[in-house]
PDB file of N, CA and C in Angstrom:
ATOM      1  N   UNK A   1      15.457  14.255 -21.026  1.00  0.00           N
ATOM      2  CA  UNK A   1      16.408  15.152 -20.396  1.00  0.00           C
ATOM      3  C   UNK A   1      15.693  16.206 -19.542  1.00  0.00           C
ATOM      4  N   UNK A   2      14.535  16.677 -20.018  1.00  0.00           N
ATOM      5  CA  UNK A   2      13.791  17.687 -19.254  1.00  0.00           C
ATOM      6  C   UNK A   2      13.361  17.158 -17.896  1.00  0.00           C
ATOM      7  N   UNK A   3      12.912  15.901 -17.859  1.00  0.00           N
ATOM      8  CA  UNK A   3      12.464  15.314 -16.602  1.00  0.00           C
ATOM      9  C   UNK A   3      13.625  15.225 -15.613  1.00  0.00           C
ATOM     10  N   UNK A   4      14.773  14.810 -16.084  1.00  0.00           N
ATOM     11  CA  UNK A   4      15.938  14.685 -15.210  1.00  0.00           C
ATOM     12  C   UNK A   4      16.360  16.051 -14.683  1.00  0.00           C
ATOM     13  N   UNK A   5      16.377  17.039 -15.569  1.00  0.00           N
ATOM     14  CA  UNK A   5      16.750  18.399 -15.174  1.00  0.00           C
ATOM     15  C   UNK A   5      15.751  18.963 -14.174  1.00  0.00           C
ATOM     16  N   UNK A   6      14.464  18.733 -14.404  1.00  0.00           N
ATOM     17  CA  UNK A   6      13.434  19.218 -13.481  1.00  0.00           C
ATOM     18  C   UNK A   6      13.590  18.583 -12.105  1.00  0.00           C
ATOM     19  N   UNK A   7      13.907  17.300 -12.085  1.00  0.00           N
ATOM     20  CA  UNK A   7      14.108  16.624 -10.799  1.00  0.00           C
ATOM     21  C   UNK A   7      15.284  17.240 -10.052  1.00  0.00           C
ATOM     22  N   UNK A   8      16.382  17.428 -10.746  1.00  0.00           N
ATOM     23  CA  UNK A   8      17.576  18.004 -10.117  1.00  0.00           C
ATOM     24  C   UNK A   8      17.268  19.392  -9.579  1.00  0.00           C
ATOM     25  N   UNK A   9      16.559  20.207 -10.351  1.00  0.00           N
ATOM     26  CA  UNK A   9      16.193  21.548  -9.898  1.00  0.00           C
ATOM     27  C   UNK A   9      15.320  21.490  -8.651  1.00  0.00           C
ATOM     28  N   UNK A  10      14.433  20.509  -8.582  1.00  0.00           N
ATOM     29  CA  UNK A  10      13.520  20.402  -7.448  1.00  0.00           C
ATOM     30  C   UNK A  10      14.229  20.023  -6.154  1.00  0.00           C
ATOM     31  N   UNK A  11      15.281  19.226  -6.244  1.00  0.00           N
ATOM     32  CA  UNK A  11      15.903  18.707  -5.023  1.00  0.00           C
ATOM     33  C   UNK A  11      17.269  19.316  -4.714  1.00  0.00           C
ATOM     34  N   UNK A  12      17.806  20.109  -5.615  1.00  0.00           N
ATOM     35  CA  UNK A  12      19.154  20.646  -5.469  1.00  0.00           C
ATOM     36  C   UNK A  12      19.351  21.413  -4.160  1.00  0.00           C
ATOM     37  N   UNK A  13      18.365  22.165  -3.743  1.00  0.00           N
ATOM     38  CA  UNK A  13      18.500  22.979  -2.537  1.00  0.00           C
ATOM     39  C   UNK A  13      18.057  22.235  -1.265  1.00  0.00           C
ATOM     40  N   UNK A  14      17.910  20.917  -1.359  1.00  0.00           N
ATOM     41  CA  UNK A  14      17.571  20.049  -0.235  1.00  0.00           C
ATOM     42  C   UNK A  14      16.323  20.524   0.517  1.00  0.00           C
ATOM     43  N   UNK A  15      15.190  20.575  -0.165  1.00  0.00           N
ATOM     44  CA  UNK A  15      13.964  21.057   0.475  1.00  0.00           C
ATOM     45  C   UNK A  15      13.425  20.038   1.485  1.00  0.00           C
ATOM     46  N   UNK A  16      12.607  20.523   2.419  1.00  0.00           N
ATOM     47  CA  UNK A  16      11.933  19.633   3.370  1.00  0.00           C
ATOM     48  C   UNK A  16      10.757  18.932   2.703  1.00  0.00           C
ATOM     49  N   UNK A  17      10.159  19.613   1.721  1.00  0.00           N
ATOM     50  CA  UNK A  17       9.001  19.093   0.989  1.00  0.00           C
ATOM     51  C   UNK A  17       9.246  19.318  -0.498  1.00  0.00           C
ATOM     52  N   UNK A  18       8.930  18.307  -1.314  1.00  0.00           N
ATOM     53  CA  UNK A  18       9.072  18.450  -2.759  1.00  0.00           C
ATOM     54  C   UNK A  18       7.814  17.896  -3.431  1.00  0.00           C
ATOM     55  N   UNK A  19       7.352  18.589  -4.466  1.00  0.00           N
ATOM     56  CA  UNK A  19       6.203  18.165  -5.265  1.00  0.00           C
ATOM     57  C   UNK A  19       6.725  17.747  -6.636  1.00  0.00           C
ATOM     58  N   UNK A  20       6.415  16.508  -7.034  1.00  0.00           N
ATOM     59  CA  UNK A  20       6.872  15.988  -8.319  1.00  0.00           C
ATOM     60  C   UNK A  20       5.655  15.561  -9.132  1.00  0.00           C
ATOM     61  N   UNK A  21       5.531  16.096 -10.329  1.00  0.00           N
ATOM     62  CA  UNK A  21       4.413  15.773 -11.213  1.00  0.00           C
ATOM     63  C   UNK A  21       4.935  14.927 -12.370  1.00  0.00           C
ATOM     64  N   UNK A  22       4.515  13.678 -12.423  1.00  0.00           N
ATOM     65  CA  UNK A  22       4.905  12.733 -13.474  1.00  0.00           C
ATOM     66  C   UNK A  22       6.421  12.717 -13.701  1.00  0.00           C
ATOM     67  N   UNK A  23       7.209  12.452 -12.654  1.00  0.00           N
ATOM     68  CA  UNK A  23       8.659  12.540 -12.792  1.00  0.00           C
ATOM     69  C   UNK A  23       9.283  11.504 -13.719  1.00  0.00           C
ATOM     70  N   UNK A  24       8.587  10.421 -14.026  1.00  0.00           N
ATOM     71  CA  UNK A  24       9.167   9.405 -14.909  1.00  0.00           C
ATOM     72  C   UNK A  24       8.576   9.435 -16.313  1.00  0.00           C
ATOM     73  N   UNK A  25       7.709  10.371 -16.564  1.00  0.00           N
ATOM     74  CA  UNK A  25       7.064  10.468 -17.868  1.00  0.00           C
ATOM     75  C   UNK A  25       8.082  10.722 -18.973  1.00  0.00           C
ATOM     76  N   UNK A  26       8.030   9.895 -20.006  1.00  0.00           N
ATOM     77  CA  UNK A  26       8.895  10.073 -21.166  1.00  0.00           C
ATOM     78  C   UNK A  26      10.317   9.555 -20.996  1.00  0.00           C
ATOM     79  N   UNK A  27      10.589   8.930 -19.871  1.00  0.00           N
ATOM     80  CA  UNK A  27      11.943   8.417 -19.649  1.00  0.00           C
ATOM     81  C   UNK A  27      12.058   6.967 -20.103  1.00  0.00           C
ATOM     82  N   UNK A  28      13.254   6.580 -20.510  1.00  0.00           N
ATOM     83  CA  UNK A  28      13.488   5.176 -20.841  1.00  0.00           C
ATOM     84  C   UNK A  28      13.478   4.380 -19.527  1.00  0.00           C
ATOM     85  N   UNK A  29      13.321   3.061 -19.591  1.00  0.00           N
ATOM     86  CA  UNK A  29      13.210   2.259 -18.372  1.00  0.00           C
ATOM     87  C   UNK A  29      14.365   2.441 -17.385  1.00  0.00           C
ATOM     88  N   UNK A  30      15.575   2.558 -17.875  1.00  0.00           N
ATOM     89  CA  UNK A  30      16.723   2.717 -16.972  1.00  0.00           C
ATOM     90  C   UNK A  30      16.653   4.061 -16.241  1.00  0.00           C
ATOM     91  N   UNK A  31      16.370   5.121 -16.966  1.00  0.00           N
ATOM     92  CA  UNK A  31      16.280   6.445 -16.343  1.00  0.00           C
ATOM     93  C   UNK A  31      15.097   6.512 -15.382  1.00  0.00           C
ATOM     94  N   UNK A  32      13.977   5.883 -15.749  1.00  0.00           N
ATOM     95  CA  UNK A  32      12.804   5.864 -14.871  1.00  0.00           C
ATOM     96  C   UNK A  32      13.130   5.150 -13.562  1.00  0.00           C
ATOM     97  N   UNK A  33      13.833   4.031 -13.652  1.00  0.00           N
ATOM     98  CA  UNK A  33      14.218   3.303 -12.431  1.00  0.00           C
ATOM     99  C   UNK A  33      15.139   4.163 -11.576  1.00  0.00           C
ATOM    100  N   UNK A  34      16.080   4.859 -12.196  1.00  0.00           N
ATOM    101  CA  UNK A  34      16.997   5.734 -11.458  1.00  0.00           C
ATOM    102  C   UNK A  34      16.227   6.818 -10.722  1.00  0.00           C
ATOM    103  N   UNK A  35      15.266   7.440 -11.395  1.00  0.00           N
ATOM    104  CA  UNK A  35      14.450   8.480 -10.756  1.00  0.00           C
ATOM    105  C   UNK A  35      13.662   7.887  -9.595  1.00  0.00           C
ATOM    106  N   UNK A  36      13.052   6.709  -9.787  1.00  0.00           N
ATOM    107  CA  UNK A  36      12.302   6.062  -8.690  1.00  0.00           C
ATOM    108  C   UNK A  36      13.221   5.812  -7.490  1.00  0.00           C
ATOM    109  N   UNK A  37      14.413   5.331  -7.742  1.00  0.00           N
ATOM    110  CA  UNK A  37      15.359   5.077  -6.655  1.00  0.00           C
ATOM    111  C   UNK A  37      15.756   6.375  -5.958  1.00  0.00           C
ATOM    112  N   UNK A  38      15.931   7.432  -6.732  1.00  0.00           N
ATOM    113  CA  UNK A  38      16.292   8.727  -6.153  1.00  0.00           C
ATOM    114  C   UNK A  38      15.146   9.282  -5.306  1.00  0.00           C
ATOM    115  N   UNK A  39      13.918   9.087  -5.750  1.00  0.00           N
ATOM    116  CA  UNK A  39      12.757   9.531  -4.969  1.00  0.00           C
ATOM    117  C   UNK A  39      12.695   8.767  -3.653  1.00  0.00           C
ATOM    118  N   UNK A  40      12.921   7.464  -3.709  1.00  0.00           N
ATOM    119  CA  UNK A  40      12.920   6.648  -2.494  1.00  0.00           C
ATOM    120  C   UNK A  40      14.023   7.110  -1.541  1.00  0.00           C
ATOM    121  N   UNK A  41      15.210   7.347  -2.062  1.00  0.00           N
ATOM    122  CA  UNK A  41      16.322   7.819  -1.232  1.00  0.00           C
ATOM    123  C   UNK A  41      15.997   9.174  -0.610  1.00  0.00           C
ATOM    124  N   UNK A  42      15.382  10.035  -1.377  1.00  0.00           N
ATOM    125  CA  UNK A  42      14.998  11.362  -0.892  1.00  0.00           C
ATOM    126  C   UNK A  42      14.030  11.235   0.278  1.00  0.00           C
ATOM    127  N   UNK A  43      13.017  10.393   0.120  1.00  0.00           N
ATOM    128  CA  UNK A  43      12.037  10.185   1.194  1.00  0.00           C
ATOM    129  C   UNK A  43      12.684   9.528   2.410  1.00  0.00           C
ATOM    130  N   UNK A  44      13.554   8.551   2.170  1.00  0.00           N
ATOM    131  CA  UNK A  44      14.243   7.871   3.270  1.00  0.00           C
ATOM    132  C   UNK A  44      15.124   8.837   4.062  1.00  0.00           C
ATOM    133  N   UNK A  45      15.591   9.901   3.413  1.00  0.00           N
ATOM    134  CA  UNK A  45      16.430  10.898   4.074  1.00  0.00           C
ATOM    135  C   UNK A  45      15.597  11.928   4.840  1.00  0.00           C
ATOM    136  N   UNK A  46      14.268  11.780   4.804  1.00  0.00           N
ATOM    137  CA  UNK A  46      13.417  12.659   5.596  1.00  0.00           C
ATOM    138  C   UNK A  46      12.647  13.711   4.828  1.00  0.00           C
ATOM    139  N   UNK A  47      12.808  13.767   3.530  1.00  0.00           N
ATOM    140  CA  UNK A  47      12.066  14.734   2.726  1.00  0.00           C
ATOM    141  C   UNK A  47      10.647  14.209   2.490  1.00  0.00           C
ATOM    142  N   UNK A  48       9.663  15.081   2.638  1.00  0.00           N
ATOM    143  CA  UNK A  48       8.288  14.720   2.306  1.00  0.00           C
ATOM    144  C   UNK A  48       8.120  14.891   0.809  1.00  0.00           C
ATOM    145  N   UNK A  49       7.701  13.830   0.128  1.00  0.00           N
ATOM    146  CA  UNK A  49       7.564  13.850  -1.321  1.00  0.00           C
ATOM    147  C   UNK A  49       6.099  13.667  -1.686  1.00  0.00           C
ATOM    148  N   UNK A  50       5.544  14.650  -2.382  1.00  0.00           N
ATOM    149  CA  UNK A  50       4.215  14.527  -2.963  1.00  0.00           C
ATOM    150  C   UNK A  50       4.427  14.171  -4.425  1.00  0.00           C
ATOM    151  N   UNK A  51       3.929  13.009  -4.808  1.00  0.00           N
ATOM    152  CA  UNK A  51       4.142  12.488  -6.155  1.00  0.00           C
ATOM    153  C   UNK A  51       2.801  12.393  -6.857  1.00  0.00           C
ATOM    154  N   UNK A  52       2.678  13.069  -7.964  1.00  0.00           N
ATOM    155  CA  UNK A  52       1.478  12.993  -8.784  1.00  0.00           C
ATOM    156  C   UNK A  52       1.827  12.216 -10.039  1.00  0.00           C
ATOM    157  N   UNK A  53       1.145  11.077 -10.241  1.00  0.00           N
ATOM    158  CA  UNK A  53       1.443  10.268 -11.414  1.00  0.00           C
ATOM    159  C   UNK A  53       0.266   9.372 -11.751  1.00  0.00           C
ATOM    160  N   UNK A  54       0.192   9.017 -13.017  1.00  0.00           N
ATOM    161  CA  UNK A  54      -0.788   8.043 -13.491  1.00  0.00           C
ATOM    162  C   UNK A  54      -0.146   6.668 -13.649  1.00  0.00           C
ATOM    163  N   UNK A  55       1.148   6.584 -13.401  1.00  0.00           N
ATOM    164  CA  UNK A  55       1.872   5.334 -13.553  1.00  0.00           C
ATOM    165  C   UNK A  55       1.876   4.642 -12.187  1.00  0.00           C
ATOM    166  N   UNK A  56       0.857   3.818 -11.969  1.00  0.00           N
ATOM    167  CA  UNK A  56       0.624   3.260 -10.650  1.00  0.00           C
ATOM    168  C   UNK A  56       1.706   2.291 -10.166  1.00  0.00           C
ATOM    169  N   UNK A  57       2.402   1.555 -11.035  1.00  0.00           N
ATOM    170  CA  UNK A  57       3.522   0.755 -10.521  1.00  0.00           C
ATOM    171  C   UNK A  57       4.611   1.612  -9.869  1.00  0.00           C
ATOM    172  N   UNK A  58       4.785   2.839 -10.340  1.00  0.00           N
ATOM    173  CA  UNK A  58       5.736   3.752  -9.701  1.00  0.00           C
ATOM    174  C   UNK A  58       5.263   4.051  -8.283  1.00  0.00           C
ATOM    175  N   UNK A  59       3.971   4.289  -8.133  1.00  0.00           N
ATOM    176  CA  UNK A  59       3.405   4.571  -6.813  1.00  0.00           C
ATOM    177  C   UNK A  59       3.626   3.374  -5.886  1.00  0.00           C
ATOM    178  N   UNK A  60       3.354   2.178  -6.393  1.00  0.00           N
ATOM    179  CA  UNK A  60       3.555   0.975  -5.579  1.00  0.00           C
ATOM    180  C   UNK A  60       5.009   0.835  -5.152  1.00  0.00           C
ATOM    181  N   UNK A  61       5.925   1.249  -5.999  1.00  0.00           N
ATOM    182  CA  UNK A  61       7.362   1.144  -5.693  1.00  0.00           C
ATOM    183  C   UNK A  61       7.816   2.140  -4.632  1.00  0.00           C
ATOM    184  N   UNK A  62       7.299   3.365  -4.660  1.00  0.00           N
ATOM    185  CA  UNK A  62       7.921   4.425  -3.864  1.00  0.00           C
ATOM    186  C   UNK A  62       7.049   5.030  -2.764  1.00  0.00           C
ATOM    187  N   UNK A  63       5.745   4.800  -2.768  1.00  0.00           N
ATOM    188  CA  UNK A  63       4.876   5.528  -1.843  1.00  0.00           C
ATOM    189  C   UNK A  63       4.689   4.825  -0.506  1.00  0.00           C
ATOM    190  N   UNK A  64       4.621   5.629   0.553  1.00  0.00           N
ATOM    191  CA  UNK A  64       4.226   5.143   1.881  1.00  0.00           C
ATOM    192  C   UNK A  64       2.721   5.269   2.049  1.00  0.00           C
ATOM    193  N   UNK A  65       2.178   6.371   1.538  1.00  0.00           N
ATOM    194  CA  UNK A  65       0.752   6.658   1.620  1.00  0.00           C
ATOM    195  C   UNK A  65       0.270   7.076   0.242  1.00  0.00           C
ATOM    196  N   UNK A  66      -0.887   6.556  -0.144  1.00  0.00           N
ATOM    197  CA  UNK A  66      -1.459   6.833  -1.453  1.00  0.00           C
ATOM    198  C   UNK A  66      -2.819   7.474  -1.273  1.00  0.00           C
ATOM    199  N   UNK A  67      -3.081   8.500  -2.049  1.00  0.00           N
ATOM    200  CA  UNK A  67      -4.411   9.085  -2.121  1.00  0.00           C
ATOM    201  C   UNK A  67      -4.886   8.970  -3.555  1.00  0.00           C
ATOM    202  N   UNK A  68      -6.091   8.444  -3.745  1.00  0.00           N
ATOM    203  CA  UNK A  68      -6.646   8.335  -5.098  1.00  0.00           C
ATOM    204  C   UNK A  68      -7.685   9.426  -5.264  1.00  0.00           C
ATOM    205  N   UNK A  69      -7.449  10.269  -6.257  1.00  0.00           N
ATOM    206  CA  UNK A  69      -8.366  11.355  -6.583  1.00  0.00           C
ATOM    207  C   UNK A  69      -9.237  10.946  -7.750  1.00  0.00           C
ATOM    208  N   UNK A  70     -10.504  11.320  -7.668  1.00  0.00           N
ATOM    209  CA  UNK A  70     -11.427  11.039  -8.767  1.00  0.00           C
ATOM    210  C   UNK A  70     -12.435  12.164  -8.835  1.00  0.00           C
ATOM    211  N   UNK A  71     -12.540  12.757  -9.996  1.00  0.00           N
ATOM    212  CA  UNK A  71     -13.472  13.867 -10.204  1.00  0.00           C
ATOM    213  C   UNK A  71     -13.235  14.982  -9.181  1.00  0.00           C
ATOM    214  N   UNK A  72     -11.953  15.225  -8.890  1.00  0.00           N
ATOM    215  CA  UNK A  72     -11.587  16.310  -7.995  1.00  0.00           C
ATOM    216  C   UNK A  72     -11.760  16.002  -6.517  1.00  0.00           C
ATOM    217  N   UNK A  73     -12.074  14.764  -6.159  1.00  0.00           N
ATOM    218  CA  UNK A  73     -12.274  14.400  -4.763  1.00  0.00           C
ATOM    219  C   UNK A  73     -11.332  13.259  -4.372  1.00  0.00           C
ATOM    220  N   UNK A  74     -10.918  13.286  -3.107  1.00  0.00           N
ATOM    221  CA  UNK A  74     -10.135  12.186  -2.567  1.00  0.00           C
ATOM    222  C   UNK A  74     -11.101  11.055  -2.234  1.00  0.00           C
ATOM    223  N   UNK A  75     -10.969   9.919  -2.945  1.00  0.00           N
ATOM    224  CA  UNK A  75     -11.923   8.826  -2.740  1.00  0.00           C
ATOM    225  C   UNK A  75     -11.379   7.736  -1.827  1.00  0.00           C
ATOM    226  N   UNK A  76     -10.076   7.670  -1.647  1.00  0.00           N
ATOM    227  CA  UNK A  76      -9.491   6.740  -0.687  1.00  0.00           C
ATOM    228  C   UNK A  76      -8.063   7.149  -0.394  1.00  0.00           C
ATOM    229  N   UNK A  77      -7.586   6.681   0.750  1.00  0.00           N
ATOM    230  CA  UNK A  77      -6.216   6.985   1.163  1.00  0.00           C
ATOM    231  C   UNK A  77      -5.729   5.854   2.058  1.00  0.00           C
ATOM    232  N   UNK A  78      -4.470   5.521   1.932  1.00  0.00           N
ATOM    233  CA  UNK A  78      -3.871   4.495   2.777  1.00  0.00           C
ATOM    234  C   UNK A  78      -2.546   4.038   2.205  1.00  0.00           C
ATOM    235  N   UNK A  79      -1.939   3.088   2.874  1.00  0.00           N
ATOM    236  CA  UNK A  79      -0.691   2.543   2.360  1.00  0.00           C
ATOM    237  C   UNK A  79      -0.996   1.700   1.130  1.00  0.00           C
ATOM    238  N   UNK A  80      -0.031   1.550   0.222  1.00  0.00           N
ATOM    239  CA  UNK A  80      -0.274   0.689  -0.940  1.00  0.00           C
ATOM    240  C   UNK A  80      -0.690  -0.722  -0.523  1.00  0.00           C
ATOM    241  N   UNK A  81      -0.069  -1.223   0.540  1.00  0.00           N
ATOM    242  CA  UNK A  81      -0.392  -2.573   1.000  1.00  0.00           C
ATOM    243  C   UNK A  81      -1.833  -2.663   1.485  1.00  0.00           C
ATOM    244  N   UNK A  82      -2.271  -1.668   2.250  1.00  0.00           N
ATOM    245  CA  UNK A  82      -3.638  -1.680   2.771  1.00  0.00           C
ATOM    246  C   UNK A  82      -4.662  -1.556   1.641  1.00  0.00           C
ATOM    247  N   UNK A  83      -4.372  -0.714   0.666  1.00  0.00           N
ATOM    248  CA  UNK A  83      -5.322  -0.508  -0.431  1.00  0.00           C
ATOM    249  C   UNK A  83      -5.406  -1.713  -1.355  1.00  0.00           C
ATOM    250  N   UNK A  84      -4.337  -2.472  -1.457  1.00  0.00           N
ATOM    251  CA  UNK A  84      -4.338  -3.600  -2.386  1.00  0.00           C
ATOM    252  C   UNK A  84      -4.685  -4.927  -1.722  1.00  0.00           C
ATOM    253  N   UNK A  85      -4.949  -4.915  -0.426  1.00  0.00           N
ATOM    254  CA  UNK A  85      -5.381  -6.130   0.252  1.00  0.00           C
ATOM    255  C   UNK A  85      -6.731  -6.548  -0.316  1.00  0.00           C
ATOM    256  N   UNK A  86      -6.826  -7.732  -0.886  1.00  0.00           N
ATOM    257  CA  UNK A  86      -8.122  -8.162  -1.414  1.00  0.00           C
ATOM    258  C   UNK A  86      -9.121  -8.390  -0.284  1.00  0.00           C
ATOM    259  N   UNK A  87     -10.381  -8.184  -0.598  1.00  0.00           N
ATOM    260  CA  UNK A  87     -11.429  -8.471   0.376  1.00  0.00           C
ATOM    261  C   UNK A  87     -11.369  -9.947   0.732  1.00  0.00           C
ATOM    262  N   UNK A  88     -11.878 -10.293   1.903  1.00  0.00           N
ATOM    263  CA  UNK A  88     -11.790 -11.675   2.375  1.00  0.00           C
ATOM    264  C   UNK A  88     -12.447 -12.664   1.424  1.00  0.00           C
ATOM    265  N   UNK A  89     -13.449 -12.220   0.682  1.00  0.00           N
ATOM    266  CA  UNK A  89     -14.159 -13.137  -0.206  1.00  0.00           C
ATOM    267  C   UNK A  89     -13.505 -13.260  -1.563  1.00  0.00           C
ATOM    268  N   UNK A  90     -12.566 -12.383  -1.875  1.00  0.00           N
ATOM    269  CA  UNK A  90     -11.904 -12.421  -3.174  1.00  0.00           C
ATOM    270  C   UNK A  90     -10.639 -13.267  -3.117  1.00  0.00           C
ATOM    271  N   UNK A  91     -10.307 -13.847  -4.229  1.00  0.00           N
ATOM    272  CA  UNK A  91      -9.046 -14.581  -4.319  1.00  0.00           C
ATOM    273  C   UNK A  91      -8.082 -13.783  -5.181  1.00  0.00           C
ATOM    274  N   UNK A  92      -6.813 -13.965  -4.949  1.00  0.00           N
ATOM    275  CA  UNK A  92      -5.828 -13.293  -5.785  1.00  0.00           C
ATOM    276  C   UNK A  92      -5.314 -12.015  -5.167  1.00  0.00           C
ATOM    277  N   UNK A  93      -4.448 -11.345  -5.914  1.00  0.00           N
ATOM    278  CA  UNK A  93      -3.812 -10.130  -5.452  1.00  0.00           C
ATOM    279  C   UNK A  93      -4.258  -8.967  -6.306  1.00  0.00           C
ATOM    280  N   UNK A  94      -4.561  -7.857  -5.658  1.00  0.00           N
ATOM    281  CA  UNK A  94      -4.928  -6.648  -6.380  1.00  0.00           C
ATOM    282  C   UNK A  94      -3.707  -5.745  -6.523  1.00  0.00           C
ATOM    283  N   UNK A  95      -3.725  -4.939  -7.562  1.00  0.00           N
ATOM    284  CA  UNK A  95      -2.719  -3.900  -7.727  1.00  0.00           C
ATOM    285  C   UNK A  95      -3.397  -2.560  -7.469  1.00  0.00           C
ATOM    286  N   UNK A  96      -2.610  -1.503  -7.372  1.00  0.00           N
ATOM    287  CA  UNK A  96      -3.213  -0.174  -7.238  1.00  0.00           C
ATOM    288  C   UNK A  96      -4.050   0.163  -8.467  1.00  0.00           C
ATOM    289  N   UNK A  97      -3.642  -0.343  -9.612  1.00  0.00           N
ATOM    290  CA  UNK A  97      -4.442  -0.127 -10.822  1.00  0.00           C
ATOM    291  C   UNK A  97      -5.822  -0.760 -10.667  1.00  0.00           C
ATOM    292  N   UNK A  98      -5.891  -1.980 -10.136  1.00  0.00           N
ATOM    293  CA  UNK A  98      -7.178  -2.632  -9.890  1.00  0.00           C
ATOM    294  C   UNK A  98      -8.040  -1.802  -8.947  1.00  0.00           C
ATOM    295  N   UNK A  99      -7.430  -1.310  -7.865  1.00  0.00           N
ATOM    296  CA  UNK A  99      -8.153  -0.501  -6.884  1.00  0.00           C
ATOM    297  C   UNK A  99      -8.665   0.775  -7.544  1.00  0.00           C
ATOM    298  N   UNK A 100      -7.798   1.441  -8.296  1.00  0.00           N
ATOM    299  CA  UNK A 100      -8.194   2.670  -8.984  1.00  0.00           C
ATOM    300  C   UNK A 100      -9.384   2.421  -9.912  1.00  0.00           C
ATOM    301  N   UNK A 101      -9.296   1.360 -10.707  1.00  0.00           N
ATOM    302  CA  UNK A 101     -10.371   1.056 -11.656  1.00  0.00           C
ATOM    303  C   UNK A 101     -11.678   0.739 -10.949  1.00  0.00           C
ATOM    304  N   UNK A 102     -11.614   0.040  -9.828  1.00  0.00           N
ATOM    305  CA  UNK A 102     -12.828  -0.261  -9.064  1.00  0.00           C
ATOM    306  C   UNK A 102     -13.456   1.010  -8.504  1.00  0.00           C
ATOM    307  N   UNK A 103     -12.613   1.896  -7.978  1.00  0.00           N
ATOM    308  CA  UNK A 103     -13.116   3.113  -7.344  1.00  0.00           C
ATOM    309  C   UNK A 103     -13.611   4.147  -8.340  1.00  0.00           C
ATOM    310  N   UNK A 104     -13.185   4.024  -9.575  1.00  0.00           N
ATOM    311  CA  UNK A 104     -13.522   5.038 -10.584  1.00  0.00           C
ATOM    312  C   UNK A 104     -14.311   4.445 -11.749  1.00  0.00           C
ATOM    313  N   UNK A 105     -15.064   3.379 -11.482  1.00  0.00           N
ATOM    314  CA  UNK A 105     -15.732   2.716 -12.598  1.00  0.00           C
ATOM    315  C   UNK A 105     -16.936   3.473 -13.135  1.00  0.00           C
ATOM    316  N   UNK A 106     -17.442   4.443 -12.404  1.00  0.00           N
ATOM    317  CA  UNK A 106     -18.542   5.239 -12.930  1.00  0.00           C
ATOM    318  C   UNK A 106     -17.993   6.488 -13.595  1.00  0.00           C
ATOM    319  N   UNK A 107     -18.724   6.992 -14.550  1.00  0.00           N
ATOM    320  CA  UNK A 107     -18.343   8.203 -15.278  1.00  0.00           C
ATOM    321  C   UNK A 107     -18.959   9.402 -14.565  1.00  0.00           C
ATOM    322  N   UNK A 108     -18.142  10.332 -14.037  1.00  0.00           N
ATOM    323  CA  UNK A 108     -18.696  11.470 -13.293  1.00  0.00           C
ATOM    324  C   UNK A 108     -19.636  12.320 -14.136  1.00  0.00           C
ATOM    325  N   UNK A 109     -19.416  12.402 -15.441  1.00  0.00           N
ATOM    326  CA  UNK A 109     -20.318  13.188 -16.301  1.00  0.00           C
ATOM    327  C   UNK A 109     -21.697  12.544 -16.348  1.00  0.00           C
ATOM    328  N   UNK A 110     -21.730  11.216 -16.436  1.00  0.00           N
ATOM    329  CA  UNK A 110     -23.007  10.499 -16.446  1.00  0.00           C
ATOM    330  C   UNK A 110     -23.692  10.652 -15.089  1.00  0.00           C
ATOM    331  N   UNK A 111     -22.937  10.538 -13.999  1.00  0.00           N
ATOM    332  CA  UNK A 111     -23.483  10.706 -12.651  1.00  0.00           C
ATOM    333  C   UNK A 111     -24.084  12.093 -12.476  1.00  0.00           C
ATOM    334  N   UNK A 112     -23.375  13.133 -12.935  1.00  0.00           N
ATOM    335  CA  UNK A 112     -23.868  14.507 -12.806  1.00  0.00           C
ATOM    336  C   UNK A 112     -25.139  14.689 -13.624  1.00  0.00           C
ATOM    337  N   UNK A 113     -25.154  14.126 -14.819  1.00  0.00           N
ATOM    338  CA  UNK A 113     -26.348  14.233 -15.665  1.00  0.00           C
ATOM    339  C   UNK A 113     -27.534  13.548 -14.997  1.00  0.00           C
ATOM    340  N   UNK A 114     -27.318  12.406 -14.377  1.00  0.00           N
ATOM    341  CA  UNK A 114     -28.387  11.677 -13.708  1.00  0.00           C
ATOM    342  C   UNK A 114     -28.908  12.480 -12.502  1.00  0.00           C
ATOM    343  N   UNK A 115     -27.996  13.142 -11.772  1.00  0.00           N
ATOM    344  CA  UNK A 115     -28.415  13.954 -10.614  1.00  0.00           C
ATOM    345  C   UNK A 115     -29.211  15.172 -11.053  1.00  0.00           C
ATOM    346  N   UNK A 116     -28.844  15.750 -12.196  1.00  0.00           N
ATOM    347  CA  UNK A 116     -29.482  16.975 -12.655  1.00  0.00           C
ATOM    348  C   UNK A 116     -30.727  16.706 -13.495  1.00  0.00           C
ATOM    349  N   UNK A 117     -30.947  15.438 -13.822  1.00  0.00           N
ATOM    350  CA  UNK A 117     -32.137  15.010 -14.521  1.00  0.00           C
ATOM    351  C   UNK A 117     -32.229  15.524 -15.877  1.00  0.00           C
TER     352      UNK A 117
END
């Protein structure tokens, strides 16, 4: 209920830009789908939506542009389709989860320790 109420509060005044942090977290599948559809409708109506989530299938469903952050840095950006295009030598289809895991396979704490010796 909190997620639904927070969403309504965020969009009630018809903002030009809205920031949503984990809008489907804790929702049942039906409510999560409704929120995803509402986010898509909001964006289609011209609202800029910044969506922060760890649920990458939601991103694939609703995003035009994706930025992947890792260790506080933007490591890649592009459309979901562009980011999930497999390399020419690979077979199969990648998901945003696959891309995220590939881009973040090193541990930043280990990297920092190695740099600092």
